[in-house]
N, C-alpha and C. Protein backbone atom coordinates (compact mmCIF):
# COMPACT_ATOMS: atom_id res chain seq x y z
N UNK A 1 0.85 -1.16 0.00
CA UNK A 1 0.00 0.00 0.00
C UNK A 1 0.90 1.23 0.00
N UNK A 2 0.44 2.27 -0.73
CA UNK A 2 1.18 3.52 -0.82
C UNK A 2 0.25 4.65 -0.41
N UNK A 3 0.72 5.51 0.50
CA UNK A 3 -0.05 6.67 0.94
C UNK A 3 0.83 7.89 0.80
N UNK A 4 0.33 8.94 0.12
CA UNK A 4 1.08 10.18 -0.05
C UNK A 4 0.16 11.36 0.18
N UNK A 5 0.72 12.44 0.73
CA UNK A 5 -0.01 13.69 0.86
C UNK A 5 0.02 14.43 -0.46
N UNK A 6 -1.05 15.19 -0.77
CA UNK A 6 -1.12 15.97 -1.99
C UNK A 6 -0.30 17.24 -1.84
N UNK A 7 0.72 17.40 -2.69
CA UNK A 7 1.54 18.60 -2.72
C UNK A 7 1.58 19.09 -4.16
N UNK A 8 1.41 20.40 -4.33
CA UNK A 8 1.36 21.00 -5.67
C UNK A 8 2.55 20.57 -6.52
N UNK A 9 2.25 20.13 -7.74
CA UNK A 9 3.30 19.72 -8.67
C UNK A 9 3.96 18.40 -8.34
N UNK A 10 3.45 17.71 -7.35
CA UNK A 10 4.06 16.47 -6.88
C UNK A 10 3.65 15.29 -7.75
N UNK A 11 4.58 14.39 -7.97
CA UNK A 11 4.26 13.12 -8.60
C UNK A 11 3.66 12.22 -7.54
N UNK A 12 2.45 11.80 -7.76
CA UNK A 12 1.78 10.95 -6.77
C UNK A 12 2.10 9.49 -6.95
N UNK A 13 2.12 9.06 -8.19
CA UNK A 13 2.45 7.67 -8.51
C UNK A 13 3.55 7.73 -9.57
N UNK A 14 4.70 7.25 -9.23
CA UNK A 14 5.84 7.34 -10.15
C UNK A 14 6.40 5.98 -10.51
N UNK A 15 7.54 6.01 -11.17
CA UNK A 15 8.19 4.78 -11.65
C UNK A 15 8.45 3.77 -10.55
N UNK A 16 8.78 4.23 -9.36
CA UNK A 16 9.10 3.31 -8.27
C UNK A 16 7.86 2.81 -7.54
N UNK A 17 6.69 3.40 -7.85
CA UNK A 17 5.47 3.05 -7.14
C UNK A 17 4.59 2.04 -7.89
N UNK A 18 4.57 2.12 -9.21
CA UNK A 18 3.65 1.28 -9.99
C UNK A 18 4.27 0.96 -11.35
N UNK A 19 3.94 -0.19 -11.86
CA UNK A 19 4.45 -0.62 -13.16
C UNK A 19 3.68 0.04 -14.30
N UNK A 20 2.36 0.29 -14.12
CA UNK A 20 1.52 0.74 -15.22
C UNK A 20 0.87 2.10 -15.02
N UNK A 21 0.90 2.63 -13.80
CA UNK A 21 0.21 3.89 -13.53
C UNK A 21 1.19 4.99 -13.18
N UNK A 22 0.80 6.22 -13.53
CA UNK A 22 1.52 7.43 -13.13
C UNK A 22 0.45 8.43 -12.71
N UNK A 23 0.82 9.39 -11.88
CA UNK A 23 -0.16 10.38 -11.48
C UNK A 23 0.48 11.56 -10.79
N UNK A 24 -0.29 12.65 -10.69
CA UNK A 24 0.23 13.84 -10.05
C UNK A 24 -0.88 14.76 -9.59
N UNK A 25 -0.48 15.79 -8.86
CA UNK A 25 -1.38 16.81 -8.33
C UNK A 25 -1.00 18.12 -8.98
N UNK A 26 -1.97 18.79 -9.61
CA UNK A 26 -1.70 20.00 -10.39
C UNK A 26 -2.51 21.16 -9.82
N UNK A 27 -1.89 22.33 -9.74
CA UNK A 27 -2.58 23.56 -9.37
C UNK A 27 -2.31 24.58 -10.48
N UNK A 28 -3.39 25.11 -11.08
CA UNK A 28 -3.28 26.12 -12.12
C UNK A 28 -3.92 27.42 -11.66
N UNK A 29 -3.25 28.54 -11.88
CA UNK A 29 -3.82 29.85 -11.59
C UNK A 29 -4.87 30.18 -12.65
N UNK A 30 -5.72 31.16 -12.36
CA UNK A 30 -6.72 31.60 -13.32
C UNK A 30 -6.06 31.91 -14.66
N UNK A 31 -6.61 31.33 -15.73
CA UNK A 31 -6.09 31.55 -17.08
C UNK A 31 -4.97 30.62 -17.49
N UNK A 32 -4.35 29.93 -16.56
CA UNK A 32 -3.26 29.00 -16.91
C UNK A 32 -3.82 27.73 -17.52
N UNK A 33 -2.99 27.07 -18.30
CA UNK A 33 -3.37 25.80 -18.91
C UNK A 33 -2.18 24.85 -18.91
N UNK A 34 -2.48 23.58 -19.05
CA UNK A 34 -1.43 22.57 -19.11
C UNK A 34 -0.75 22.60 -20.47
N UNK A 35 -1.54 22.83 -21.51
CA UNK A 35 -1.05 22.78 -22.89
C UNK A 35 -1.50 21.50 -23.56
N UNK A 36 -1.77 21.58 -24.85
CA UNK A 36 -2.22 20.40 -25.59
C UNK A 36 -1.17 19.31 -25.53
N UNK A 37 -1.62 18.10 -25.25
CA UNK A 37 -0.70 16.97 -25.22
C UNK A 37 -1.50 15.68 -25.41
N UNK A 38 -0.78 14.63 -25.69
CA UNK A 38 -1.38 13.30 -25.86
C UNK A 38 -0.64 12.33 -24.96
N UNK A 39 -1.38 11.54 -24.20
CA UNK A 39 -0.76 10.49 -23.40
C UNK A 39 -0.86 9.20 -24.21
N UNK A 40 0.13 9.01 -25.09
CA UNK A 40 0.11 7.88 -26.01
C UNK A 40 0.04 6.55 -25.26
N UNK A 41 -0.80 5.68 -25.74
CA UNK A 41 -0.97 4.33 -25.19
C UNK A 41 -1.39 4.35 -23.72
N UNK A 42 -1.95 5.47 -23.26
CA UNK A 42 -2.38 5.56 -21.86
C UNK A 42 -3.75 6.19 -21.78
N UNK A 43 -4.58 5.63 -20.92
CA UNK A 43 -5.82 6.28 -20.56
C UNK A 43 -5.49 7.23 -19.41
N UNK A 44 -6.32 8.28 -19.26
CA UNK A 44 -6.09 9.22 -18.17
C UNK A 44 -7.40 9.53 -17.48
N UNK A 45 -7.33 9.64 -16.17
CA UNK A 45 -8.47 10.08 -15.37
C UNK A 45 -8.05 11.37 -14.68
N UNK A 46 -8.92 12.38 -14.77
CA UNK A 46 -8.69 13.67 -14.12
C UNK A 46 -9.81 13.87 -13.12
N UNK A 47 -9.45 14.17 -11.88
CA UNK A 47 -10.43 14.43 -10.83
C UNK A 47 -10.27 15.88 -10.38
N UNK A 48 -11.30 16.69 -10.63
CA UNK A 48 -11.27 18.10 -10.25
C UNK A 48 -11.59 18.19 -8.76
N UNK A 49 -10.66 18.71 -7.99
CA UNK A 49 -10.84 18.84 -6.54
C UNK A 49 -11.41 20.20 -6.17
N UNK A 50 -10.90 21.26 -6.81
CA UNK A 50 -11.36 22.62 -6.55
C UNK A 50 -11.27 23.43 -7.83
N UNK A 51 -12.24 24.34 -8.02
CA UNK A 51 -12.18 25.26 -9.15
C UNK A 51 -13.00 24.81 -10.33
N UNK A 52 -12.80 25.53 -11.45
CA UNK A 52 -13.55 25.29 -12.69
C UNK A 52 -12.57 25.18 -13.84
N UNK A 53 -12.69 24.12 -14.61
CA UNK A 53 -11.79 23.87 -15.74
C UNK A 53 -12.56 23.78 -17.04
N UNK A 54 -11.88 24.16 -18.11
CA UNK A 54 -12.37 23.81 -19.44
C UNK A 54 -11.49 22.66 -19.90
N UNK A 55 -12.11 21.53 -20.15
CA UNK A 55 -11.42 20.35 -20.65
C UNK A 55 -11.65 20.28 -22.15
N UNK A 56 -10.57 20.26 -22.90
CA UNK A 56 -10.65 20.13 -24.35
C UNK A 56 -10.06 18.78 -24.70
N UNK A 57 -10.87 17.94 -25.34
CA UNK A 57 -10.41 16.61 -25.74
C UNK A 57 -10.80 16.40 -27.20
N UNK A 58 -9.77 16.31 -28.05
CA UNK A 58 -9.98 16.26 -29.49
C UNK A 58 -10.80 17.50 -29.90
N UNK A 59 -11.99 17.35 -30.44
CA UNK A 59 -12.79 18.51 -30.87
C UNK A 59 -13.92 18.84 -29.91
N UNK A 60 -13.87 18.32 -28.71
CA UNK A 60 -14.94 18.52 -27.74
C UNK A 60 -14.43 19.37 -26.57
N UNK A 61 -15.26 20.34 -26.15
CA UNK A 61 -14.92 21.19 -25.00
C UNK A 61 -16.04 21.08 -23.97
N UNK A 62 -15.65 20.95 -22.70
CA UNK A 62 -16.62 20.86 -21.61
C UNK A 62 -16.12 21.68 -20.42
N UNK A 63 -17.03 22.34 -19.74
CA UNK A 63 -16.72 23.00 -18.48
C UNK A 63 -16.95 21.98 -17.37
N UNK A 64 -15.95 21.83 -16.51
CA UNK A 64 -15.99 20.82 -15.46
C UNK A 64 -15.69 21.51 -14.13
N UNK A 65 -16.50 21.22 -13.14
CA UNK A 65 -16.33 21.84 -11.83
C UNK A 65 -15.86 20.81 -10.80
N UNK A 66 -15.54 21.33 -9.62
CA UNK A 66 -15.02 20.47 -8.55
C UNK A 66 -15.93 19.28 -8.29
N UNK A 67 -15.29 18.21 -7.84
CA UNK A 67 -15.92 16.93 -7.55
C UNK A 67 -16.42 16.23 -8.81
N UNK A 68 -15.76 16.49 -9.95
CA UNK A 68 -16.08 15.81 -11.20
C UNK A 68 -14.88 14.98 -11.64
N UNK A 69 -15.17 13.90 -12.32
CA UNK A 69 -14.14 13.02 -12.87
C UNK A 69 -14.27 13.03 -14.38
N UNK A 70 -13.14 13.09 -15.07
CA UNK A 70 -13.11 13.06 -16.53
C UNK A 70 -12.22 11.90 -16.97
N UNK A 71 -12.67 11.12 -17.93
CA UNK A 71 -11.87 10.04 -18.50
C UNK A 71 -11.41 10.49 -19.88
N UNK A 72 -10.10 10.42 -20.13
CA UNK A 72 -9.52 10.75 -21.43
C UNK A 72 -9.07 9.44 -22.08
N UNK A 73 -9.65 9.08 -23.23
CA UNK A 73 -9.24 7.84 -23.90
C UNK A 73 -7.80 7.90 -24.38
N UNK A 74 -7.21 6.75 -24.62
CA UNK A 74 -5.83 6.70 -25.11
C UNK A 74 -5.70 7.45 -26.43
N UNK A 75 -4.50 7.98 -26.66
CA UNK A 75 -4.14 8.66 -27.90
C UNK A 75 -5.01 9.87 -28.22
N UNK A 76 -5.64 10.49 -27.22
CA UNK A 76 -6.48 11.67 -27.44
C UNK A 76 -5.73 12.93 -27.07
N UNK A 77 -5.67 13.89 -27.99
CA UNK A 77 -5.06 15.18 -27.67
C UNK A 77 -6.01 15.92 -26.74
N UNK A 78 -5.46 16.47 -25.65
CA UNK A 78 -6.31 17.15 -24.69
C UNK A 78 -5.56 18.27 -23.98
N UNK A 79 -6.34 19.12 -23.29
CA UNK A 79 -5.78 20.25 -22.57
C UNK A 79 -6.69 20.54 -21.38
N UNK A 80 -6.13 21.08 -20.32
CA UNK A 80 -6.87 21.51 -19.14
C UNK A 80 -6.58 22.99 -18.94
N UNK A 81 -7.64 23.81 -18.86
CA UNK A 81 -7.51 25.26 -18.74
C UNK A 81 -8.31 25.73 -17.53
N UNK A 82 -7.71 26.55 -16.68
CA UNK A 82 -8.44 27.11 -15.55
C UNK A 82 -9.25 28.31 -16.04
N UNK A 83 -10.58 28.16 -16.06
CA UNK A 83 -11.46 29.24 -16.50
C UNK A 83 -12.21 29.86 -15.32
N UNK A 84 -11.86 29.47 -14.12
CA UNK A 84 -12.51 30.00 -12.92
C UNK A 84 -11.77 31.21 -12.37
N UNK A 85 -12.28 31.74 -11.27
CA UNK A 85 -11.66 32.91 -10.66
C UNK A 85 -10.85 32.56 -9.41
N UNK A 86 -10.59 31.28 -9.21
CA UNK A 86 -9.72 30.83 -8.12
C UNK A 86 -8.84 29.71 -8.65
N UNK A 87 -7.82 29.30 -7.90
CA UNK A 87 -6.94 28.22 -8.38
C UNK A 87 -7.72 26.94 -8.70
N UNK A 88 -7.29 26.28 -9.77
CA UNK A 88 -7.85 24.99 -10.16
C UNK A 88 -6.91 23.93 -9.59
N UNK A 89 -7.46 23.00 -8.82
CA UNK A 89 -6.67 21.91 -8.24
C UNK A 89 -7.25 20.59 -8.72
N UNK A 90 -6.39 19.75 -9.27
CA UNK A 90 -6.86 18.44 -9.73
C UNK A 90 -5.76 17.39 -9.62
N UNK A 91 -6.21 16.17 -9.62
CA UNK A 91 -5.33 15.00 -9.62
C UNK A 91 -5.52 14.29 -10.95
N UNK A 92 -4.42 13.85 -11.54
CA UNK A 92 -4.53 13.03 -12.74
C UNK A 92 -3.83 11.69 -12.49
N UNK A 93 -4.36 10.67 -13.13
CA UNK A 93 -3.75 9.34 -13.09
C UNK A 93 -3.80 8.77 -14.50
N UNK A 94 -2.66 8.32 -14.99
CA UNK A 94 -2.62 7.65 -16.28
C UNK A 94 -2.35 6.17 -16.05
N UNK A 95 -2.92 5.36 -16.91
CA UNK A 95 -2.70 3.92 -16.85
C UNK A 95 -2.25 3.44 -18.22
N UNK A 96 -1.13 2.78 -18.27
CA UNK A 96 -0.57 2.30 -19.52
C UNK A 96 -1.37 1.12 -20.04
N UNK A 97 -1.64 1.15 -21.33
CA UNK A 97 -2.31 0.03 -21.98
C UNK A 97 -1.30 -0.89 -22.65
N UNK A 98 -0.08 -0.41 -22.78
CA UNK A 98 0.99 -1.15 -23.43
C UNK A 98 2.10 -1.33 -22.41
N UNK A 99 2.24 -2.53 -21.87
CA UNK A 99 3.21 -2.75 -20.80
C UNK A 99 4.64 -2.51 -21.24
N UNK A 100 4.90 -2.46 -22.53
CA UNK A 100 6.25 -2.20 -23.02
C UNK A 100 6.55 -0.70 -23.05
N UNK A 101 5.55 0.17 -22.89
CA UNK A 101 5.75 1.61 -23.03
C UNK A 101 5.92 2.30 -21.69
N UNK A 102 6.83 1.84 -20.88
CA UNK A 102 7.07 2.42 -19.55
C UNK A 102 7.86 3.67 -19.64
């Protein structure tokens, strides 16, 4: 069993913790974004803890508020943008679908 406290920018699940999963805790200021990216061969789950985000996945945009979970399918280009008036705090976890792609 692994237990970690949430710290901004911290890797929650890393190479030494799991063979197939990675994760972290992100805090974005108003207007900040992660930037478009693709988690190749990995599914991703994003859990909004506080704030309001615009989630862009491929050609779809959704406003997501705290206590919501978003699933990003593998090979999907996506971005997270803080569109609220307070910090956006969320946790992400990726799970590898290809055990060779560590």
